[in-house]
Amino acid sequence: MTLPALILQSTYGKLAWGIVIATLLVSVISASRQLSARAILQLLGISIIAALLPDRFSPAYWIALAFQWPSGMLAGLCLLHLVRQSHPASAGSTLPVPLAGAIAALGAVLYLDALGLASSGLYFWGFGPRGAPVFALAAMALCAAGIVQGYARPQMFAALGAITLFTMLRLPTGNLWDALLDPMLWIWAVVSLGLRAWRKTASNNINQGVVSGNS
């Protein structure tokens, strides 16, 4: 088991939290007005600079107390979301249903395991000196194949970047699962699935009401 250097881990964590903070700010502001690509880039720069401030002066310090360091996957998806916000014409969802479902399911299994409710040792397997690197390389090959085939290409690039970061530098924690999943990403996936289910149910109810009214 090889762990990343603390200074490298801290630097990565602050940069990644800066990206996440910028994404949250852009999402909130975009709900009321459209932001230009320049404004989004400025918010990203300000958020990263603020996150890199020392200790308690950094918002990343306080967020890390609850969520530790974000996964490479979350940072990659946040960057993807920022790019799509700066180019409104770009189609597709940042977190499509199949990916959200996979993240929600994997997170549920890992968190049950971490709480001792499912004694599989799956989380600690992510520290494995042989199995984790082999699985990471296999996942990288699958991501590369998905990119070549054009299947969810932006998300595949995000996953490939997260796994590459883990393979080369063991970031963020030295555990493979922490490179692909974290509590905030899991919450994002669960909320996204819940909202989609609610909208679909509401749409079906409206359609049924229209049909009943016309009959």
N, C-alpha and C. Protein backbone atom coordinates (compact mmCIF):
# COMPACT_ATOMS: atom_id res chain seq x y z
N MET A 1 0.84 -1.20 0.00
CA MET A 1 0.00 0.00 0.00
C MET A 1 0.88 1.25 0.00
N THR A 2 0.72 2.09 -1.00
CA THR A 2 1.50 3.32 -1.12
C THR A 2 0.56 4.52 -0.97
N LEU A 3 0.85 5.37 0.00
CA LEU A 3 0.02 6.54 0.24
C LEU A 3 0.67 7.77 -0.38
N PRO A 4 -0.13 8.74 -0.83
CA PRO A 4 0.44 9.96 -1.41
C PRO A 4 1.09 10.82 -0.34
N ALA A 5 2.09 11.60 -0.73
CA ALA A 5 2.73 12.53 0.20
C ALA A 5 1.71 13.54 0.72
N LEU A 6 1.84 13.93 1.98
CA LEU A 6 0.84 14.81 2.60
C LEU A 6 0.76 16.16 1.88
N ILE A 7 1.91 16.71 1.48
CA ILE A 7 1.90 18.00 0.80
C ILE A 7 1.20 17.89 -0.55
N LEU A 8 1.41 16.76 -1.24
CA LEU A 8 0.76 16.54 -2.52
C LEU A 8 -0.74 16.34 -2.33
N GLN A 9 -1.09 15.60 -1.29
CA GLN A 9 -2.49 15.36 -0.98
C GLN A 9 -3.21 16.66 -0.63
N SER A 10 -2.57 17.50 0.18
CA SER A 10 -3.18 18.77 0.58
C SER A 10 -3.35 19.71 -0.61
N THR A 11 -2.32 19.79 -1.46
CA THR A 11 -2.39 20.67 -2.63
C THR A 11 -3.50 20.22 -3.58
N TYR A 12 -3.54 18.92 -3.84
CA TYR A 12 -4.60 18.39 -4.70
C TYR A 12 -5.97 18.69 -4.10
N GLY A 13 -6.12 18.42 -2.80
CA GLY A 13 -7.42 18.61 -2.15
C GLY A 13 -7.91 20.05 -2.26
N LYS A 14 -7.01 21.01 -2.05
CA LYS A 14 -7.41 22.41 -2.13
C LYS A 14 -7.78 22.81 -3.55
N LEU A 15 -6.99 22.35 -4.52
CA LEU A 15 -7.32 22.65 -5.92
C LEU A 15 -8.66 22.04 -6.31
N ALA A 16 -8.88 20.79 -5.91
CA ALA A 16 -10.12 20.11 -6.25
C ALA A 16 -11.32 20.77 -5.58
N TRP A 17 -11.16 21.16 -4.31
CA TRP A 17 -12.27 21.84 -3.64
C TRP A 17 -12.54 23.20 -4.26
N GLY A 18 -11.49 23.86 -4.76
CA GLY A 18 -11.70 25.12 -5.46
C GLY A 18 -12.56 24.93 -6.70
N ILE A 19 -12.34 23.84 -7.43
CA ILE A 19 -13.16 23.52 -8.61
C ILE A 19 -14.60 23.23 -8.20
N VAL A 20 -14.77 22.48 -7.12
CA VAL A 20 -16.13 22.15 -6.65
C VAL A 20 -16.87 23.40 -6.19
N ILE A 21 -16.17 24.26 -5.44
CA ILE A 21 -16.79 25.50 -4.95
C ILE A 21 -17.22 26.37 -6.13
N ALA A 22 -16.36 26.49 -7.14
CA ALA A 22 -16.71 27.28 -8.32
C ALA A 22 -17.94 26.70 -9.02
N THR A 23 -18.03 25.39 -9.09
CA THR A 23 -19.19 24.75 -9.73
C THR A 23 -20.47 25.04 -8.96
N LEU A 24 -20.40 24.98 -7.64
CA LEU A 24 -21.58 25.29 -6.83
C LEU A 24 -22.01 26.75 -7.02
N LEU A 25 -21.04 27.66 -7.03
CA LEU A 25 -21.36 29.08 -7.21
C LEU A 25 -21.99 29.32 -8.58
N VAL A 26 -21.40 28.73 -9.61
CA VAL A 26 -21.92 28.91 -10.97
C VAL A 26 -23.33 28.33 -11.08
N SER A 27 -23.56 27.18 -10.47
CA SER A 27 -24.89 26.55 -10.53
C SER A 27 -25.94 27.42 -9.86
N VAL A 28 -25.59 28.01 -8.72
CA VAL A 28 -26.54 28.87 -8.00
C VAL A 28 -26.83 30.15 -8.80
N ILE A 29 -25.77 30.79 -9.30
CA ILE A 29 -25.95 32.04 -10.04
C ILE A 29 -26.67 31.80 -11.37
N SER A 30 -26.36 30.67 -12.03
CA SER A 30 -26.97 30.37 -13.33
C SER A 30 -28.45 30.10 -13.23
N ALA A 31 -28.92 29.82 -12.02
CA ALA A 31 -30.35 29.58 -11.84
C ALA A 31 -31.17 30.84 -12.10
N SER A 32 -30.52 32.02 -11.95
CA SER A 32 -31.24 33.28 -12.14
C SER A 32 -30.79 34.05 -13.38
N ARG A 33 -29.55 33.82 -13.82
CA ARG A 33 -29.08 34.52 -15.01
C ARG A 33 -27.94 33.75 -15.66
N GLN A 34 -27.79 33.96 -16.95
CA GLN A 34 -26.76 33.26 -17.72
C GLN A 34 -25.40 33.93 -17.51
N LEU A 35 -24.40 33.12 -17.22
CA LEU A 35 -23.05 33.63 -17.04
C LEU A 35 -22.24 33.44 -18.32
N SER A 36 -21.38 34.38 -18.60
CA SER A 36 -20.50 34.26 -19.76
C SER A 36 -19.34 33.32 -19.42
N ALA A 37 -18.66 32.85 -20.46
CA ALA A 37 -17.50 31.98 -20.26
C ALA A 37 -16.42 32.71 -19.45
N ARG A 38 -16.27 34.01 -19.69
CA ARG A 38 -15.27 34.78 -18.96
C ARG A 38 -15.62 34.88 -17.48
N ALA A 39 -16.89 35.09 -17.17
CA ALA A 39 -17.32 35.18 -15.78
C ALA A 39 -17.12 33.85 -15.06
N ILE A 40 -17.40 32.76 -15.74
CA ILE A 40 -17.21 31.43 -15.15
C ILE A 40 -15.72 31.18 -14.88
N LEU A 41 -14.88 31.57 -15.82
CA LEU A 41 -13.43 31.41 -15.64
C LEU A 41 -12.92 32.25 -14.47
N GLN A 42 -13.47 33.45 -14.32
CA GLN A 42 -13.07 34.31 -13.20
C GLN A 42 -13.50 33.71 -11.87
N LEU A 43 -14.72 33.17 -11.82
CA LEU A 43 -15.19 32.53 -10.59
C LEU A 43 -14.33 31.31 -10.24
N LEU A 44 -13.94 30.57 -11.26
CA LEU A 44 -13.07 29.41 -11.03
C LEU A 44 -11.73 29.85 -10.46
N GLY A 45 -11.14 30.89 -11.04
CA GLY A 45 -9.86 31.38 -10.55
C GLY A 45 -9.94 31.89 -9.11
N ILE A 46 -10.99 32.65 -8.81
CA ILE A 46 -11.16 33.18 -7.45
C ILE A 46 -11.37 32.05 -6.46
N SER A 47 -12.15 31.05 -6.84
CA SER A 47 -12.43 29.93 -5.94
C SER A 47 -11.17 29.13 -5.65
N ILE A 48 -10.34 28.90 -6.66
CA ILE A 48 -9.10 28.15 -6.46
C ILE A 48 -8.13 28.94 -5.59
N ILE A 49 -8.02 30.24 -5.84
CA ILE A 49 -7.13 31.07 -5.01
C ILE A 49 -7.58 31.06 -3.56
N ALA A 50 -8.89 31.17 -3.34
CA ALA A 50 -9.42 31.15 -1.97
C ALA A 50 -9.16 29.79 -1.31
N ALA A 51 -9.32 28.72 -2.09
CA ALA A 51 -9.10 27.38 -1.53
C ALA A 51 -7.65 27.13 -1.18
N LEU A 52 -6.73 27.80 -1.87
CA LEU A 52 -5.29 27.60 -1.63
C LEU A 52 -4.77 28.42 -0.45
N LEU A 53 -5.61 29.25 0.15
CA LEU A 53 -5.19 30.02 1.31
C LEU A 53 -4.82 29.07 2.46
N PRO A 54 -3.95 29.48 3.36
CA PRO A 54 -3.49 28.56 4.42
C PRO A 54 -4.56 28.29 5.47
N ASP A 55 -4.61 27.05 5.90
CA ASP A 55 -5.39 26.58 7.05
C ASP A 55 -6.79 27.18 7.11
N ARG A 56 -7.12 27.81 8.24
CA ARG A 56 -8.50 28.26 8.50
C ARG A 56 -8.95 29.40 7.60
N PHE A 57 -8.03 30.01 6.87
CA PHE A 57 -8.41 31.06 5.94
C PHE A 57 -8.99 30.49 4.64
N SER A 58 -8.81 29.20 4.45
CA SER A 58 -9.27 28.55 3.23
C SER A 58 -10.63 27.89 3.45
N PRO A 59 -11.60 28.11 2.56
CA PRO A 59 -12.89 27.40 2.69
C PRO A 59 -12.71 25.89 2.55
N ALA A 60 -11.66 25.47 1.84
CA ALA A 60 -11.40 24.03 1.68
C ALA A 60 -11.11 23.37 3.02
N TYR A 61 -10.51 24.11 3.94
CA TYR A 61 -10.20 23.58 5.27
C TYR A 61 -11.47 23.16 5.99
N TRP A 62 -12.49 24.00 5.93
CA TRP A 62 -13.73 23.72 6.65
C TRP A 62 -14.55 22.65 5.94
N ILE A 63 -14.56 22.67 4.62
CA ILE A 63 -15.30 21.64 3.88
C ILE A 63 -14.67 20.27 4.10
N ALA A 64 -13.33 20.25 4.15
CA ALA A 64 -12.62 18.97 4.33
C ALA A 64 -12.90 18.34 5.69
N LEU A 65 -13.28 19.14 6.67
CA LEU A 65 -13.62 18.58 7.98
C LEU A 65 -14.82 17.64 7.89
N ALA A 66 -15.72 17.92 6.95
CA ALA A 66 -16.91 17.08 6.80
C ALA A 66 -16.77 16.07 5.67
N PHE A 67 -16.12 16.48 4.57
CA PHE A 67 -16.09 15.63 3.37
C PHE A 67 -14.69 15.15 2.98
N GLN A 68 -13.66 15.49 3.77
CA GLN A 68 -12.27 15.14 3.43
C GLN A 68 -11.92 15.69 2.04
N TRP A 69 -11.22 14.91 1.22
CA TRP A 69 -10.83 15.40 -0.09
C TRP A 69 -11.77 14.87 -1.16
N PRO A 70 -12.10 15.68 -2.16
CA PRO A 70 -12.99 15.20 -3.23
C PRO A 70 -12.29 14.19 -4.12
N SER A 71 -13.09 13.31 -4.69
CA SER A 71 -12.53 12.33 -5.63
C SER A 71 -12.13 13.02 -6.92
N GLY A 72 -11.23 12.37 -7.65
CA GLY A 72 -10.87 12.88 -8.96
C GLY A 72 -12.06 12.89 -9.90
N MET A 73 -12.96 11.93 -9.70
CA MET A 73 -14.16 11.84 -10.52
C MET A 73 -15.06 13.06 -10.30
N LEU A 74 -15.23 13.47 -9.05
CA LEU A 74 -16.05 14.65 -8.76
C LEU A 74 -15.42 15.89 -9.37
N ALA A 75 -14.11 16.05 -9.21
CA ALA A 75 -13.43 17.22 -9.78
C ALA A 75 -13.57 17.25 -11.29
N GLY A 76 -13.43 16.07 -11.93
CA GLY A 76 -13.56 16.00 -13.38
C GLY A 76 -14.96 16.34 -13.85
N LEU A 77 -15.97 15.82 -13.16
CA LEU A 77 -17.36 16.12 -13.54
C LEU A 77 -17.70 17.58 -13.30
N CYS A 78 -17.12 18.16 -12.26
CA CYS A 78 -17.35 19.59 -12.01
C CYS A 78 -16.74 20.43 -13.12
N LEU A 79 -15.54 20.08 -13.57
CA LEU A 79 -14.94 20.80 -14.70
C LEU A 79 -15.80 20.66 -15.95
N LEU A 80 -16.32 19.46 -16.16
CA LEU A 80 -17.21 19.23 -17.30
C LEU A 80 -18.45 20.11 -17.19
N HIS A 81 -18.99 20.22 -15.99
CA HIS A 81 -20.18 21.04 -15.79
C HIS A 81 -19.89 22.52 -16.06
N LEU A 82 -18.72 22.97 -15.64
CA LEU A 82 -18.34 24.37 -15.89
C LEU A 82 -18.20 24.64 -17.38
N VAL A 83 -17.61 23.68 -18.10
CA VAL A 83 -17.46 23.84 -19.55
C VAL A 83 -18.83 23.92 -20.22
N ARG A 84 -19.75 23.08 -19.78
CA ARG A 84 -21.08 23.08 -20.39
C ARG A 84 -21.87 24.33 -20.01
N GLN A 85 -21.63 24.88 -18.83
CA GLN A 85 -22.28 26.12 -18.46
C GLN A 85 -21.77 27.29 -19.29
N SER A 86 -20.50 27.22 -19.67
CA SER A 86 -19.93 28.31 -20.48
C SER A 86 -20.28 28.16 -21.96
N HIS A 87 -20.79 26.97 -22.35
CA HIS A 87 -21.25 26.74 -23.72
C HIS A 87 -22.66 26.18 -23.67
N PRO A 88 -23.67 27.02 -23.50
CA PRO A 88 -25.05 26.57 -23.32
C PRO A 88 -25.56 25.67 -24.45
N ALA A 89 -24.96 25.79 -25.63
CA ALA A 89 -25.43 24.99 -26.76
C ALA A 89 -25.03 23.52 -26.64
N SER A 90 -24.05 23.23 -25.78
CA SER A 90 -23.60 21.85 -25.63
C SER A 90 -24.70 21.00 -25.03
N ALA A 91 -24.95 19.84 -25.63
CA ALA A 91 -26.07 19.00 -25.23
C ALA A 91 -25.63 17.97 -24.20
N GLY A 92 -26.63 17.38 -23.54
CA GLY A 92 -26.36 16.27 -22.63
C GLY A 92 -26.28 16.70 -21.18
N SER A 93 -26.41 15.71 -20.31
CA SER A 93 -26.36 15.94 -18.87
C SER A 93 -24.96 15.64 -18.35
N THR A 94 -24.53 16.40 -17.36
CA THR A 94 -23.22 16.15 -16.76
C THR A 94 -23.20 14.80 -16.06
N LEU A 95 -24.32 14.44 -15.44
CA LEU A 95 -24.42 13.18 -14.71
C LEU A 95 -25.61 12.39 -15.27
N PRO A 96 -25.42 11.67 -16.38
CA PRO A 96 -26.51 10.92 -16.98
C PRO A 96 -27.01 9.80 -16.05
N VAL A 97 -28.21 9.30 -16.33
CA VAL A 97 -28.85 8.32 -15.45
C VAL A 97 -28.00 7.08 -15.23
N PRO A 98 -27.43 6.44 -16.27
CA PRO A 98 -26.63 5.23 -16.01
C PRO A 98 -25.45 5.48 -15.06
N LEU A 99 -24.76 6.62 -15.25
CA LEU A 99 -23.63 6.94 -14.39
C LEU A 99 -24.10 7.26 -12.98
N ALA A 100 -25.18 8.05 -12.85
CA ALA A 100 -25.72 8.37 -11.53
C ALA A 100 -26.15 7.10 -10.80
N GLY A 101 -26.78 6.17 -11.52
CA GLY A 101 -27.20 4.92 -10.91
C GLY A 101 -26.03 4.09 -10.43
N ALA A 102 -24.97 4.03 -11.24
CA ALA A 102 -23.78 3.26 -10.86
C ALA A 102 -23.11 3.87 -9.63
N ILE A 103 -23.01 5.20 -9.59
CA ILE A 103 -22.40 5.88 -8.44
C ILE A 103 -23.23 5.67 -7.19
N ALA A 104 -24.55 5.79 -7.31
CA ALA A 104 -25.43 5.60 -6.15
C ALA A 104 -25.34 4.18 -5.61
N ALA A 105 -25.32 3.19 -6.50
CA ALA A 105 -25.25 1.79 -6.07
C ALA A 105 -23.90 1.47 -5.44
N LEU A 106 -22.81 1.89 -6.09
CA LEU A 106 -21.47 1.63 -5.55
C LEU A 106 -21.30 2.31 -4.20
N GLY A 107 -21.76 3.56 -4.10
CA GLY A 107 -21.64 4.28 -2.84
C GLY A 107 -22.41 3.61 -1.71
N ALA A 108 -23.62 3.12 -2.00
CA ALA A 108 -24.42 2.45 -0.98
C ALA A 108 -23.69 1.21 -0.46
N VAL A 109 -23.11 0.44 -1.38
CA VAL A 109 -22.39 -0.78 -0.98
C VAL A 109 -21.16 -0.43 -0.14
N LEU A 110 -20.40 0.57 -0.59
CA LEU A 110 -19.18 0.95 0.13
C LEU A 110 -19.49 1.54 1.50
N TYR A 111 -20.54 2.35 1.59
CA TYR A 111 -20.86 2.96 2.87
C TYR A 111 -21.42 1.95 3.85
N LEU A 112 -22.19 0.97 3.37
CA LEU A 112 -22.66 -0.12 4.24
C LEU A 112 -21.47 -0.93 4.75
N ASP A 113 -20.49 -1.12 3.86
CA ASP A 113 -19.28 -1.85 4.24
C ASP A 113 -18.48 -1.06 5.28
N ALA A 114 -18.35 0.25 5.07
CA ALA A 114 -17.58 1.09 5.99
C ALA A 114 -18.24 1.16 7.37
N LEU A 115 -19.58 1.08 7.41
CA LEU A 115 -20.31 1.12 8.68
C LEU A 115 -20.37 -0.24 9.37
N GLY A 116 -19.83 -1.25 8.71
CA GLY A 116 -19.84 -2.58 9.31
C GLY A 116 -21.12 -3.35 9.11
N LEU A 117 -22.04 -2.81 8.30
CA LEU A 117 -23.31 -3.50 8.05
C LEU A 117 -23.17 -4.55 6.96
N ALA A 118 -22.09 -4.48 6.21
CA ALA A 118 -21.81 -5.50 5.19
C ALA A 118 -20.32 -5.81 5.27
N SER A 119 -19.98 -6.91 5.88
CA SER A 119 -18.58 -7.23 6.18
C SER A 119 -17.89 -7.87 4.97
N SER A 120 -17.70 -7.08 3.94
CA SER A 120 -17.06 -7.60 2.74
C SER A 120 -15.61 -7.14 2.60
N GLY A 121 -15.24 -6.10 3.35
CA GLY A 121 -13.89 -5.56 3.24
C GLY A 121 -13.62 -4.90 1.90
N LEU A 122 -14.71 -4.51 1.22
CA LEU A 122 -14.56 -3.96 -0.13
C LEU A 122 -13.79 -2.65 -0.14
N TYR A 123 -14.06 -1.78 0.84
CA TYR A 123 -13.36 -0.50 0.86
C TYR A 123 -11.86 -0.69 1.04
N PHE A 124 -11.47 -1.54 1.96
CA PHE A 124 -10.04 -1.75 2.21
C PHE A 124 -9.36 -2.46 1.05
N TRP A 125 -10.14 -3.15 0.22
CA TRP A 125 -9.58 -3.75 -0.98
C TRP A 125 -9.02 -2.67 -1.90
N GLY A 126 -9.58 -1.46 -1.82
CA GLY A 126 -9.10 -0.37 -2.64
C GLY A 126 -7.67 0.03 -2.33
N PHE A 127 -7.13 -0.40 -1.17
CA PHE A 127 -5.73 -0.14 -0.83
C PHE A 127 -4.81 -1.27 -1.33
N GLY A 128 -5.40 -2.31 -1.92
CA GLY A 128 -4.64 -3.50 -2.29
C GLY A 128 -3.45 -3.19 -3.18
N PRO A 129 -2.29 -3.80 -2.91
CA PRO A 129 -1.08 -3.52 -3.69
C PRO A 129 -1.10 -4.15 -5.08
N ARG A 130 -1.97 -5.13 -5.30
CA ARG A 130 -2.03 -5.79 -6.59
C ARG A 130 -3.39 -5.62 -7.25
N GLY A 131 -4.44 -5.99 -6.52
CA GLY A 131 -5.79 -5.97 -7.11
C GLY A 131 -6.23 -4.59 -7.55
N ALA A 132 -5.99 -3.57 -6.71
CA ALA A 132 -6.43 -2.21 -7.05
C ALA A 132 -5.74 -1.67 -8.30
N PRO A 133 -4.41 -1.79 -8.43
CA PRO A 133 -3.77 -1.31 -9.67
C PRO A 133 -4.24 -2.07 -10.91
N VAL A 134 -4.44 -3.38 -10.79
CA VAL A 134 -4.90 -4.16 -11.93
C VAL A 134 -6.30 -3.72 -12.35
N PHE A 135 -7.17 -3.55 -11.35
CA PHE A 135 -8.53 -3.09 -11.64
C PHE A 135 -8.50 -1.69 -12.25
N ALA A 136 -7.61 -0.83 -11.74
CA ALA A 136 -7.51 0.54 -12.26
C ALA A 136 -7.09 0.53 -13.73
N LEU A 137 -6.13 -0.31 -14.06
CA LEU A 137 -5.68 -0.39 -15.45
C LEU A 137 -6.77 -0.94 -16.36
N ALA A 138 -7.52 -1.94 -15.86
CA ALA A 138 -8.63 -2.49 -16.64
C ALA A 138 -9.71 -1.42 -16.86
N ALA A 139 -9.99 -0.63 -15.81
CA ALA A 139 -10.99 0.44 -15.93
C ALA A 139 -10.52 1.52 -16.89
N MET A 140 -9.21 1.80 -16.90
CA MET A 140 -8.68 2.78 -17.84
C MET A 140 -8.86 2.29 -19.29
N ALA A 141 -8.64 1.00 -19.49
CA ALA A 141 -8.82 0.44 -20.84
C ALA A 141 -10.28 0.55 -21.27
N LEU A 142 -11.22 0.29 -20.34
CA LEU A 142 -12.64 0.41 -20.66
C LEU A 142 -13.01 1.86 -20.98
N CYS A 143 -12.46 2.80 -20.21
CA CYS A 143 -12.73 4.22 -20.46
C CYS A 143 -12.20 4.62 -21.84
N ALA A 144 -11.00 4.15 -22.16
CA ALA A 144 -10.42 4.47 -23.47
C ALA A 144 -11.27 3.90 -24.60
N ALA A 145 -11.78 2.69 -24.39
CA ALA A 145 -12.65 2.07 -25.40
C ALA A 145 -13.94 2.87 -25.55
N GLY A 146 -14.49 3.31 -24.42
CA GLY A 146 -15.71 4.12 -24.47
C GLY A 146 -15.49 5.44 -25.20
N ILE A 147 -14.32 6.04 -24.99
CA ILE A 147 -14.01 7.30 -25.68
C ILE A 147 -13.90 7.08 -27.18
N VAL A 148 -13.23 6.00 -27.57
CA VAL A 148 -13.08 5.69 -29.00
C VAL A 148 -14.44 5.42 -29.65
N GLN A 149 -15.32 4.72 -28.90
CA GLN A 149 -16.65 4.39 -29.42
C GLN A 149 -17.62 5.56 -29.34
N GLY A 150 -17.23 6.63 -28.64
CA GLY A 150 -18.10 7.79 -28.52
C GLY A 150 -19.21 7.64 -27.51
N TYR A 151 -19.06 6.71 -26.55
CA TYR A 151 -20.09 6.49 -25.54
C TYR A 151 -19.81 7.35 -24.31
N ALA A 152 -20.71 8.31 -24.02
CA ALA A 152 -20.56 9.21 -22.86
C ALA A 152 -19.12 9.72 -22.78
N ARG A 153 -18.64 10.23 -23.88
CA ARG A 153 -17.22 10.57 -24.00
C ARG A 153 -16.73 11.55 -22.93
N PRO A 154 -17.43 12.66 -22.63
CA PRO A 154 -16.93 13.57 -21.59
C PRO A 154 -16.81 12.89 -20.22
N GLN A 155 -17.81 12.08 -19.85
CA GLN A 155 -17.76 11.39 -18.57
C GLN A 155 -16.64 10.34 -18.55
N MET A 156 -16.41 9.69 -19.69
CA MET A 156 -15.32 8.72 -19.78
C MET A 156 -13.97 9.41 -19.59
N PHE A 157 -13.84 10.62 -20.14
CA PHE A 157 -12.60 11.38 -19.95
C PHE A 157 -12.42 11.72 -18.46
N ALA A 158 -13.51 12.07 -17.78
CA ALA A 158 -13.43 12.39 -16.35
C ALA A 158 -12.99 11.18 -15.55
N ALA A 159 -13.58 10.02 -15.84
CA ALA A 159 -13.21 8.79 -15.14
C ALA A 159 -11.76 8.40 -15.45
N LEU A 160 -11.36 8.53 -16.71
CA LEU A 160 -10.00 8.20 -17.10
C LEU A 160 -9.00 9.10 -16.38
N GLY A 161 -9.32 10.40 -16.28
CA GLY A 161 -8.44 11.32 -15.57
C GLY A 161 -8.32 10.96 -14.09
N ALA A 162 -9.44 10.60 -13.46
CA ALA A 162 -9.43 10.24 -12.04
C ALA A 162 -8.59 9.00 -11.79
N ILE A 163 -8.75 7.99 -12.65
CA ILE A 163 -8.01 6.74 -12.47
C ILE A 163 -6.53 6.94 -12.78
N THR A 164 -6.23 7.76 -13.79
CA THR A 164 -4.84 8.05 -14.12
C THR A 164 -4.15 8.76 -12.96
N LEU A 165 -4.86 9.71 -12.34
CA LEU A 165 -4.33 10.43 -11.19
C LEU A 165 -4.01 9.46 -10.06
N PHE A 166 -4.92 8.50 -9.84
CA PHE A 166 -4.69 7.50 -8.80
C PHE A 166 -3.51 6.61 -9.16
N THR A 167 -3.45 6.16 -10.40
CA THR A 167 -2.39 5.24 -10.82
C THR A 167 -1.01 5.87 -10.71
N MET A 168 -0.91 7.16 -11.05
CA MET A 168 0.40 7.81 -11.08
C MET A 168 0.80 8.37 -9.71
N LEU A 169 -0.16 8.96 -8.99
CA LEU A 169 0.18 9.67 -7.75
C LEU A 169 -0.56 9.15 -6.52
N ARG A 170 -1.43 8.16 -6.71
CA ARG A 170 -2.23 7.56 -5.61
C ARG A 170 -3.16 8.58 -4.95
N LEU A 171 -3.53 9.61 -5.68
CA LEU A 171 -4.43 10.63 -5.13
C LEU A 171 -5.88 10.20 -5.31
N PRO A 172 -6.76 10.62 -4.35
CA PRO A 172 -6.47 11.56 -3.25
C PRO A 172 -5.99 10.92 -1.95
N THR A 173 -6.26 9.62 -1.70
CA THR A 173 -5.95 9.03 -0.39
C THR A 173 -5.13 7.76 -0.48
N GLY A 174 -4.86 7.28 -1.68
CA GLY A 174 -4.21 6.00 -1.82
C GLY A 174 -5.18 4.86 -1.97
N ASN A 175 -6.49 5.15 -1.88
CA ASN A 175 -7.52 4.14 -2.05
C ASN A 175 -8.21 4.35 -3.39
N LEU A 176 -8.34 3.28 -4.17
CA LEU A 176 -8.92 3.40 -5.50
C LEU A 176 -10.34 3.94 -5.46
N TRP A 177 -11.13 3.49 -4.48
CA TRP A 177 -12.53 3.92 -4.43
C TRP A 177 -12.64 5.42 -4.15
N ASP A 178 -11.69 5.96 -3.38
CA ASP A 178 -11.72 7.40 -3.10
C ASP A 178 -11.39 8.23 -4.34
N ALA A 179 -10.77 7.62 -5.34
CA ALA A 179 -10.51 8.32 -6.60
C ALA A 179 -11.77 8.40 -7.45
N LEU A 180 -12.70 7.46 -7.24
CA LEU A 180 -13.90 7.37 -8.07
C LEU A 180 -15.16 7.85 -7.37
N LEU A 181 -15.12 7.95 -6.04
CA LEU A 181 -16.35 8.24 -5.29
C LEU A 181 -16.02 9.00 -4.02
N ASP A 182 -16.91 9.90 -3.63
CA ASP A 182 -16.82 10.59 -2.35
C ASP A 182 -18.24 10.95 -1.91
N PRO A 183 -18.44 11.34 -0.66
CA PRO A 183 -19.81 11.62 -0.19
C PRO A 183 -20.56 12.65 -0.99
N MET A 184 -19.88 13.74 -1.42
CA MET A 184 -20.58 14.78 -2.17
C MET A 184 -21.01 14.29 -3.54
N LEU A 185 -20.16 13.49 -4.20
CA LEU A 185 -20.53 12.94 -5.50
C LEU A 185 -21.70 11.96 -5.35
N TRP A 186 -21.68 11.17 -4.28
CA TRP A 186 -22.77 10.22 -4.03
C TRP A 186 -24.08 10.97 -3.79
N ILE A 187 -24.03 12.04 -3.00
CA ILE A 187 -25.24 12.84 -2.75
C ILE A 187 -25.75 13.44 -4.06
N TRP A 188 -24.84 13.94 -4.88
CA TRP A 188 -25.21 14.50 -6.19
C TRP A 188 -25.94 13.45 -7.03
N ALA A 189 -25.41 12.22 -7.05
CA ALA A 189 -26.03 11.15 -7.84
C ALA A 189 -27.41 10.78 -7.30
N VAL A 190 -27.53 10.64 -5.99
CA VAL A 190 -28.81 10.24 -5.39
C VAL A 190 -29.86 11.33 -5.60
N VAL A 191 -29.49 12.59 -5.37
CA VAL A 191 -30.43 13.70 -5.57
C VAL A 191 -30.83 13.80 -7.03
N SER A 192 -29.86 13.62 -7.93
CA SER A 192 -30.15 13.67 -9.36
C SER A 192 -31.16 12.60 -9.77
N LEU A 193 -30.97 11.37 -9.28
CA LEU A 193 -31.91 10.30 -9.58
C LEU A 193 -33.28 10.58 -8.99
N GLY A 194 -33.29 11.11 -7.76
CA GLY A 194 -34.56 11.43 -7.11
C GLY A 194 -35.34 12.50 -7.86
N LEU A 195 -34.64 13.55 -8.31
CA LEU A 195 -35.30 14.62 -9.06
C LEU A 195 -35.84 14.12 -10.39
N ARG A 196 -35.06 13.26 -11.07
CA ARG A 196 -35.52 12.73 -12.35
C ARG A 196 -36.76 11.86 -12.14
N ALA A 197 -36.76 11.04 -11.08
CA ALA A 197 -37.92 10.19 -10.80
C ALA A 197 -39.14 11.04 -10.48
N TRP A 198 -38.94 12.11 -9.71
CA TRP A 198 -40.05 12.99 -9.34
C TRP A 198 -40.61 13.70 -10.56
N ARG A 199 -39.73 14.19 -11.44
CA ARG A 199 -40.19 14.88 -12.65
C ARG A 199 -40.93 13.92 -13.58
N LYS A 200 -40.42 12.69 -13.67
CA LYS A 200 -41.09 11.71 -14.53
C LYS A 200 -42.46 11.36 -14.00
N THR A 201 -42.56 11.21 -12.68
CA THR A 201 -43.86 10.91 -12.06
C THR A 201 -44.83 12.06 -12.25
N ALA A 202 -44.34 13.30 -12.05
CA ALA A 202 -45.19 14.47 -12.22
C ALA A 202 -45.66 14.60 -13.66
N SER A 203 -44.75 14.33 -14.61
CA SER A 203 -45.11 14.41 -16.03
C SER A 203 -46.15 13.35 -16.38
N ASN A 204 -45.98 12.14 -15.85
CA ASN A 204 -46.97 11.08 -16.12
C ASN A 204 -48.33 11.43 -15.55
N ASN A 205 -48.33 12.03 -14.33
CA ASN A 205 -49.61 12.42 -13.71
C ASN A 205 -50.32 13.49 -14.52
N ILE A 206 -49.53 14.44 -15.05
CA ILE A 206 -50.12 15.51 -15.87
C ILE A 206 -50.70 14.93 -17.15
N ASN A 207 -49.94 14.02 -17.79
CA ASN A 207 -50.42 13.40 -19.03
C ASN A 207 -51.68 12.57 -18.80
N GLN A 208 -51.71 11.86 -17.67
CA GLN A 208 -52.91 11.09 -17.36
C GLN A 208 -54.11 11.98 -17.10
N GLY A 209 -53.82 13.15 -16.45
CA GLY A 209 -54.91 14.09 -16.21
C GLY A 209 -55.47 14.68 -17.50
N VAL A 210 -54.56 14.95 -18.45
CA VAL A 210 -54.99 15.48 -19.73
C VAL A 210 -55.83 14.46 -20.48
N VAL A 211 -55.38 13.20 -20.46
CA VAL A 211 -56.12 12.15 -21.14
C VAL A 211 -57.50 11.95 -20.51
N SER A 212 -57.54 11.98 -19.18
CA SER A 212 -58.82 11.80 -18.48
C SER A 212 -59.76 12.95 -18.77
N GLY A 213 -59.17 14.16 -18.88
CA GLY A 213 -60.02 15.34 -19.14
C GLY A 213 -60.58 15.34 -20.56
N ASN A 214 -59.83 14.73 -21.50
CA ASN A 214 -60.29 14.69 -22.88
C ASN A 214 -61.25 13.55 -23.17
N SER A 215 -61.28 12.57 -22.27
CA SER A 215 -62.14 11.42 -22.50
C SER A 215 -63.54 11.61 -21.93
